[in-house]
Each structure stands twice: as structure tokens, then as C-alpha cells.
């Protein structure tokens, strides 16, 4: 049985039945829980949801973007990955250089007004094209600041040095596997208020080695249960697989600890639809054995096999 997916569906059901109504930063409204933990055995299969289609290639390219220490959406767009566009687009349409129609509160308005939605899609298309073709424009408006990739690979210290947390933790796993300090943090209090397009939701993760297996626990301060959390589960499961591969360990468990776990009110019907679907067999992961280091991995080096999900369920992103 696919017990990993049931853990996620149990979270969905618990949020619907026990969650409290809360306002939120996006003015969408949520039903929310605080403090929830899920466990996923990586030996049983790869924990990508089957009760709805989840685009695995987007998860791969986003994770490799983090691993490379990149913070500019150009790399993502080159891999047809649009999941970070809204935050970069917001920086552009709120800048003095933008001279198009008013895009204020574009995320909410695009969901309510069909005419506005068409204009939004047009402006977004122009924006993406300029990011891909105009180096100076991409440098100015494609960069999201000190988000995950910067914190993982290029943490700025008070002495003016930098720390490559991800590289250091991999070396630590290899040299001192039983250490209790295999930790990477993305929550930098100095950068959160002003230097990030979006403060990190998945804030800290820790690795644990036992019986030749590598496990990972993530603390996530905020989780969009319907859209974001399935990506986070698969993304950190993949990271655990990749680091286990480099360190000659087997993947063990992924433990996902959530702070504010919430369903946006405009996702409730989608969640109910998903809960009616039958869980299918988990897919399996294949990593290019010729590549030893995660820092050398490309999208084509990571393959998902036997993925047979139910159809996708669309829902708006709250920005």
C-alpha cells in the first residue's frame, strides 16, 4: 500500500475538519492547522502524489536551481518552469520602469476578472520573453534576492565571508556521518525583511545517518497544503536521494514537520475532489549512475518511472 500518500491525504482531511479560519497575507483566507508531522519511507517508492498529477520535471528543475545557488528565474524559464514567475513579475510591475496597465493585486484580480486575466497573461508573456532575451532586464527583474539558492550555497556572514552550507553538509555526512549537526538553514533574519522576494517557507532541514541509510527532516514554517506541500515533499525526497547517492548511502525516510499548514479557501473544493480519488502505486526514481556529485547533475540525469496519476486539478496561486 502507498502509505506515504495516505499521510498527505490525512493532513488534507484534518485541515478541513479541524482547521481554523484565518485571514492571511494574500487576502485569500485559509483554513489552518499549526504543528503537523508526516513521515515518508523512501524505500517504498518515490513520494509523488498519484491522486492528482504533479509535474515532476518542475520539481527537478527547481531543486537543481536551488542546488546551483541560482536566484534568477531565467534558469527556470529556460526549463519551462513558471512556478516563481509571479514574485519576479510583481517586482517589475511595481517598479518605476513599468509603463503598462495597472497590475496591482494581479494574482487575486486575475482570478476574478476575465478581461484582466487576459491582460495579465499578455503582460506576463512579455515579461518572460524579456527575461529570456535581455540580459540587463533579467539581471534587474529576474533575480529574487537572497532566496533558497543564495542561503544554501552563499550565506553571507557578519565578517563579509560566505558559507556554502550545502557543500559543507555533504562533506560532513561523508566524514562524520553520525554527527547531529547536518543542518542547512534558509531562514536568515537579516535578509528576510528586505532582501528576499518571498521569505523561505521551508526554513531548515537536517540529515540523519543510521544503518547505512540517509534520512532528512524538514521544518517548514508555512505550507500551502494543496499546491505547495506536494512539491515540497517530492523536492526534499529528491534532495535526500541525490545526497544519499553522492555519499554512497541508501535513502531512508523523509520527515516533514509543518508549522502553519493551510488550505486556501479557493482550494477547498479541489481538495475535496482529490480526497475522493483512489491512491495508486508510487513511482520509482532513477539517478544517472555516471554522475557522482549533486553539483554536476542536470535535469536529464534524473528520471521518474511508472508514474500513473489521476488527472491534474487546477487551482490559483496565492501571491
Protein backbone atom coordinates (compact mmCIF):
# COMPACT_ATOMS: atom_id res chain seq x y z
CA UNK A 1 0.00 0.00 0.00
CA UNK A 2 1.11 3.57 -0.72
CA UNK A 3 1.21 4.70 2.94
CA UNK A 4 3.17 7.86 2.07
CA UNK A 5 0.34 9.39 0.10
CA UNK A 6 -2.19 8.46 2.76
CA UNK A 7 -0.20 10.57 5.22
CA UNK A 8 -0.68 13.58 2.93
CA UNK A 9 -4.39 12.90 2.41
CA UNK A 10 -4.83 12.57 6.18
CA UNK A 11 -3.34 16.07 6.51
CA UNK A 12 -5.83 17.39 3.94
CA UNK A 13 -8.76 15.82 5.77
CA UNK A 14 -7.54 17.03 9.16
CA UNK A 15 -7.19 20.60 7.90
CA UNK A 16 -10.73 20.54 6.51
CA UNK A 17 -12.28 19.05 9.63
CA UNK A 18 -10.18 20.62 12.41
CA UNK A 19 -8.55 23.71 10.88
CA UNK A 20 -9.38 27.23 12.00
CA UNK A 21 -10.38 30.05 9.68
CA UNK A 22 -7.66 32.68 9.35
CA UNK A 23 -7.00 35.77 7.29
CA UNK A 24 -3.65 35.81 5.54
CA UNK A 25 -1.12 38.00 3.74
CA UNK A 26 -2.68 37.33 0.31
CA UNK A 27 -6.22 38.31 1.43
CA UNK A 28 -7.48 34.94 0.19
CA UNK A 29 -8.26 33.37 3.56
CA UNK A 30 -7.25 29.94 4.82
CA UNK A 31 -8.30 27.04 6.97
CA UNK A 32 -5.23 26.36 9.06
CA UNK A 33 -3.51 23.90 11.42
CA UNK A 34 -0.40 24.51 13.50
CA UNK A 35 2.15 21.78 14.06
CA UNK A 36 1.79 18.62 11.95
CA UNK A 37 4.25 15.91 11.00
CA UNK A 38 4.26 13.37 8.15
CA UNK A 39 6.70 10.52 7.53
CA UNK A 40 7.56 9.09 4.11
CA UNK A 41 9.55 5.91 3.61
CA UNK A 42 11.83 6.44 0.61
CA UNK A 43 12.41 2.67 0.43
CA UNK A 44 8.79 2.04 -0.59
CA UNK A 45 8.96 4.27 -3.67
CA UNK A 46 9.13 7.93 -4.57
CA UNK A 47 6.51 10.06 -2.74
CA UNK A 48 4.97 11.90 -5.67
CA UNK A 49 1.19 12.17 -5.36
CA UNK A 50 -0.92 9.89 -7.52
CA UNK A 51 -4.35 11.28 -6.56
CA UNK A 52 -3.53 14.19 -8.86
CA UNK A 53 -0.84 14.76 -11.45
CA UNK A 54 2.18 16.64 -10.09
CA UNK A 55 4.70 17.86 -12.72
CA UNK A 56 7.91 16.12 -11.67
CA UNK A 57 10.12 17.98 -14.18
CA UNK A 58 9.25 21.26 -12.47
CA UNK A 59 10.31 19.80 -9.13
CA UNK A 60 13.61 18.65 -10.63
CA UNK A 61 14.48 21.95 -12.28
CA UNK A 62 13.52 23.94 -9.17
CA UNK A 63 15.67 21.76 -6.91
CA UNK A 64 18.64 21.95 -9.28
CA UNK A 65 18.15 25.74 -9.33
CA UNK A 66 18.50 25.76 -5.55
CA UNK A 67 21.48 23.41 -5.65
CA UNK A 68 23.27 25.63 -8.17
CA UNK A 69 22.85 28.60 -5.84
CA UNK A 70 20.91 30.43 -8.56
CA UNK A 71 18.32 33.05 -7.64
CA UNK A 72 17.33 34.29 -11.09
CA UNK A 73 14.21 32.89 -12.75
CA UNK A 74 15.92 32.81 -16.16
CA UNK A 75 17.24 29.28 -15.46
CA UNK A 76 13.72 28.15 -14.56
CA UNK A 77 12.20 29.72 -17.67
CA UNK A 78 14.84 28.02 -19.80
CA UNK A 79 13.43 24.76 -18.42
CA UNK A 80 9.81 25.85 -18.97
CA UNK A 81 9.32 26.24 -15.24
CA UNK A 82 6.98 29.09 -14.28
CA UNK A 83 6.42 28.48 -10.57
CA UNK A 84 8.44 31.51 -9.36
CA UNK A 85 7.29 33.96 -12.06
CA UNK A 86 4.71 35.83 -10.01
CA UNK A 87 7.19 37.18 -7.47
CA UNK A 88 9.61 38.46 -10.12
CA UNK A 89 6.72 39.85 -12.16
CA UNK A 90 5.48 41.70 -9.08
CA UNK A 91 8.86 43.42 -8.76
CA UNK A 92 8.63 44.59 -12.36
CA UNK A 93 5.03 45.86 -12.42
CA UNK A 94 5.58 47.76 -9.17
CA UNK A 95 8.78 49.40 -10.46
CA UNK A 96 9.14 52.90 -11.93
CA UNK A 97 10.23 51.35 -15.25
CA UNK A 98 6.91 49.60 -15.82
CA UNK A 99 4.60 51.62 -18.08
CA UNK A 100 1.85 49.11 -18.85
CA UNK A 101 -1.69 48.80 -17.45
CA UNK A 102 -2.19 48.61 -13.69
CA UNK A 103 -1.33 45.13 -12.42
CA UNK A 104 -1.88 45.87 -8.72
CA UNK A 105 -3.02 42.79 -6.79
CA UNK A 106 -2.77 40.89 -10.05
CA UNK A 107 -3.00 37.41 -8.52
CA UNK A 108 -6.42 38.00 -6.95
CA UNK A 109 -7.78 40.11 -9.82
CA UNK A 110 -6.77 37.55 -12.46
CA UNK A 111 -8.95 35.02 -10.67
CA UNK A 112 -11.97 37.34 -10.59
CA UNK A 113 -11.93 39.31 -13.85
CA UNK A 114 -11.67 37.55 -17.22
CA UNK A 115 -10.65 40.72 -19.10
CA UNK A 116 -7.96 41.46 -16.55
CA UNK A 117 -6.81 37.83 -16.71
CA UNK A 118 -6.18 38.14 -20.46
CA UNK A 119 -4.20 41.35 -19.98
CA UNK A 120 -2.26 39.78 -17.12
CA UNK A 121 -1.34 36.80 -19.29
CA UNK A 122 -0.22 39.17 -22.05
CA UNK A 123 1.97 41.23 -19.73
CA UNK A 124 3.42 38.07 -18.16
CA UNK A 125 4.27 36.72 -21.61
CA UNK A 126 6.11 39.94 -22.47
CA UNK A 127 7.91 39.80 -19.14
CA UNK A 128 9.09 36.21 -19.60
CA UNK A 129 10.29 36.92 -23.13
CA UNK A 130 12.37 39.87 -21.93
CA UNK A 131 13.86 37.80 -19.09
CA UNK A 132 15.00 35.19 -21.59
CA UNK A 133 16.33 37.61 -24.21
CA UNK A 134 17.50 40.75 -22.38
CA UNK A 135 20.47 40.19 -20.04
CA UNK A 136 20.21 43.55 -18.27
CA UNK A 137 16.47 43.21 -17.78
CA UNK A 138 16.90 39.66 -16.44
CA UNK A 139 19.62 40.80 -14.06
CA UNK A 140 17.42 43.56 -12.67
CA UNK A 141 13.98 41.95 -12.60
CA UNK A 142 14.61 38.22 -12.82
CA UNK A 143 16.57 37.98 -9.60
CA UNK A 144 14.59 37.22 -6.45
CA UNK A 145 17.21 38.27 -3.93
CA UNK A 146 18.69 36.05 -1.24
CA UNK A 147 16.20 33.20 -1.58
CA UNK A 148 16.93 29.49 -1.14
CA UNK A 149 19.85 29.09 -3.53
CA UNK A 150 21.73 32.01 -2.02
CA UNK A 151 21.22 30.84 1.55
CA UNK A 152 22.11 27.22 0.78
CA UNK A 153 25.26 27.98 -1.21
CA UNK A 154 26.33 31.56 -0.44
CA UNK A 155 25.29 32.54 3.11
CA UNK A 156 26.73 35.97 3.91
CA UNK A 157 28.42 36.26 7.30
CA UNK A 158 28.87 39.31 9.51
CA UNK A 159 32.60 39.20 8.70
CA UNK A 160 31.98 39.51 4.98
CA UNK A 161 32.71 35.85 4.22
CA UNK A 162 30.35 33.31 2.66
CA UNK A 163 29.35 29.81 3.75
CA UNK A 164 28.43 27.03 1.33
CA UNK A 165 26.04 25.23 3.67
CA UNK A 166 25.01 22.53 1.21
CA UNK A 167 28.55 21.58 0.22
CA UNK A 168 29.61 21.61 3.87
CA UNK A 169 26.77 19.35 4.99
CA UNK A 170 27.55 16.80 2.26
CA UNK A 171 31.21 16.73 3.30
CA UNK A 172 30.11 16.38 6.93
CA UNK A 173 27.89 13.39 6.09
CA UNK A 174 30.82 11.72 4.32
CA UNK A 175 33.42 12.38 7.02
CA UNK A 176 31.34 12.28 10.21
CA UNK A 177 28.06 10.56 9.33
CA UNK A 178 26.78 10.27 12.91
CA UNK A 179 27.08 13.97 13.65
CA UNK A 180 23.96 15.72 14.91
CA UNK A 181 24.91 18.91 13.08
CA UNK A 182 24.00 18.01 9.49
CA UNK A 183 21.85 21.14 9.16
CA UNK A 184 21.10 23.65 6.41
CA UNK A 185 19.02 26.75 7.16
CA UNK A 186 17.42 29.17 4.75
CA UNK A 187 15.97 31.48 7.41
CA UNK A 188 18.33 34.43 7.63
CA UNK A 189 16.75 37.07 9.90
CA UNK A 190 18.83 39.85 8.35
CA UNK A 191 17.67 39.10 4.80
CA UNK A 192 14.03 38.17 5.43
CA UNK A 193 12.60 41.72 5.79
CA UNK A 194 14.19 43.37 2.75
CA UNK A 195 16.36 41.10 0.61
CA UNK A 196 14.02 38.28 -0.43
CA UNK A 197 11.11 38.25 -2.86
CA UNK A 198 9.47 35.69 -0.56
CA UNK A 199 10.73 34.68 2.90
CA UNK A 200 11.59 30.95 2.89
CA UNK A 201 8.69 28.67 3.69
CA UNK A 202 10.87 25.57 4.05
CA UNK A 203 13.25 27.04 6.57
CA UNK A 204 15.61 24.34 7.88
CA UNK A 205 16.48 20.73 7.14
CA UNK A 206 18.61 18.15 8.94
CA UNK A 207 20.13 14.86 7.80
CA UNK A 208 20.49 11.71 9.87
CA UNK A 209 22.54 8.59 9.10
CA UNK A 210 21.75 5.16 10.59
CA UNK A 211 22.18 1.59 9.31
CA UNK A 212 23.66 2.82 6.03
CA UNK A 213 20.61 4.96 5.27
CA UNK A 214 20.23 8.73 4.94
CA UNK A 215 17.10 10.39 6.28
CA UNK A 216 16.05 14.03 6.17
CA UNK A 217 13.73 16.11 8.32
CA UNK A 218 12.39 19.43 7.06
CA UNK A 219 10.87 22.14 9.23
CA UNK A 220 8.50 24.22 7.10
CA UNK A 221 7.12 27.36 8.75
CA UNK A 222 4.27 27.74 6.24
CA UNK A 223 2.75 25.18 3.89
CA UNK A 224 0.16 25.65 1.14
CA UNK A 225 -1.29 22.15 1.50
CA UNK A 226 -2.87 21.79 -1.93
CA UNK A 227 -0.32 23.40 -4.25
CA UNK A 228 2.94 23.80 -2.36
CA UNK A 229 3.28 20.86 0.03
CA UNK A 230 3.21 18.14 -2.68
CA UNK A 231 6.14 19.95 -4.35
CA UNK A 232 7.97 20.23 -1.02
CA UNK A 233 7.54 16.54 -0.23
CA UNK A 234 8.86 15.48 -3.62
CA UNK A 235 11.59 18.13 -3.68
CA UNK A 236 13.13 17.14 -0.35
CA UNK A 237 12.68 13.44 -1.07
CA UNK A 238 14.64 14.03 -4.27
CA UNK A 239 17.32 16.01 -2.43
CA UNK A 240 17.67 13.13 0.04
CA UNK A 241 18.03 10.64 -2.82
CA UNK A 242 20.67 12.78 -4.53
CA UNK A 243 22.77 13.29 -1.40
CA UNK A 244 22.44 9.61 -0.46
CA UNK A 245 23.67 8.77 -3.96
CA UNK A 246 26.74 11.00 -3.59
CA UNK A 247 27.52 9.72 -0.08
CA UNK A 248 27.10 6.02 -1.00
CA UNK A 249 24.13 5.61 1.32
CA UNK A 250 20.63 4.28 0.77
CA UNK A 251 17.69 6.68 1.09
CA UNK A 252 15.84 6.16 4.36
CA UNK A 253 12.99 8.44 5.43
CA UNK A 254 11.76 11.93 4.73
CA UNK A 255 10.09 13.54 7.74
CA UNK A 256 8.06 16.65 7.03
CA UNK A 257 7.29 18.90 10.00
CA UNK A 258 4.92 21.78 9.30
CA UNK A 259 4.25 24.97 11.26
CA UNK A 260 1.22 26.74 9.74
CA UNK A 261 -0.27 24.16 7.37
CA UNK A 262 -3.17 25.68 5.49
CA UNK A 263 -5.66 25.21 2.69
CA UNK A 264 -6.55 28.42 0.89
CA UNK A 265 -10.30 28.95 0.76
CA UNK A 266 -10.23 28.94 -3.04
CA UNK A 267 -8.63 25.46 -2.94
CA UNK A 268 -11.20 23.76 -0.70
CA UNK A 269 -13.31 22.24 -3.49
CA UNK A 270 -10.18 20.99 -5.24
CA UNK A 271 -9.01 19.27 -2.05
CA UNK A 272 -12.41 17.61 -1.59
CA UNK A 273 -12.24 16.35 -5.17
CA UNK A 274 -8.78 14.91 -4.60
CA UNK A 275 -9.84 13.17 -1.40
CA UNK A 276 -12.42 11.15 -3.35
CA UNK A 277 -9.76 9.59 -5.56
CA UNK A 278 -8.11 6.23 -5.03
CA UNK A 279 -4.38 6.13 -4.27
CA UNK A 280 -2.26 4.40 -6.91
CA UNK A 281 1.16 2.74 -6.79
CA UNK A 282 4.13 5.04 -6.12
CA UNK A 283 6.58 5.70 -8.96
CA UNK A 284 10.31 4.93 -8.70
CA UNK A 285 13.33 7.19 -9.12
CA UNK A 286 16.40 6.59 -11.26
CA UNK A 287 19.56 8.72 -10.98
CA UNK A 288 22.37 8.74 -13.54
CA UNK A 289 25.00 6.45 -12.01
CA UNK A 290 27.73 8.15 -14.04
CA UNK A 291 27.32 11.36 -12.04
CA UNK A 292 28.83 11.23 -8.54
CA UNK A 293 28.21 14.79 -7.34
CA UNK A 294 24.85 16.50 -6.99
CA UNK A 295 26.54 19.68 -8.22
CA UNK A 296 27.09 18.03 -11.61
CA UNK A 297 23.50 16.87 -12.04
CA UNK A 298 21.35 18.12 -14.89
CA UNK A 299 17.63 17.69 -15.46
CA UNK A 300 18.18 14.74 -17.81
CA UNK A 301 20.15 12.84 -15.12
CA UNK A 302 17.03 12.33 -13.01
CA UNK A 303 14.25 10.05 -14.23
CA UNK A 304 10.88 9.04 -12.83
CA UNK A 305 9.47 5.64 -13.80
CA UNK A 306 6.00 4.10 -13.60
CA UNK A 307 4.15 7.30 -12.69
CA UNK A 308 0.42 6.77 -13.31
CA UNK A 309 -1.50 9.55 -11.54
CA UNK A 310 -5.07 10.76 -11.75
CA UNK A 311 -5.51 13.95 -13.86
CA UNK A 312 -4.26 17.32 -12.64
CA UNK A 313 -6.56 19.56 -10.59
CA UNK A 314 -6.08 23.26 -11.28
CA UNK A 315 -6.09 25.90 -8.58
CA UNK A 316 -4.96 29.56 -8.41
CA UNK A 317 -1.67 30.52 -6.75
CA UNK A 318 -1.96 32.98 -3.87
CA UNK A 319 0.74 35.64 -4.21
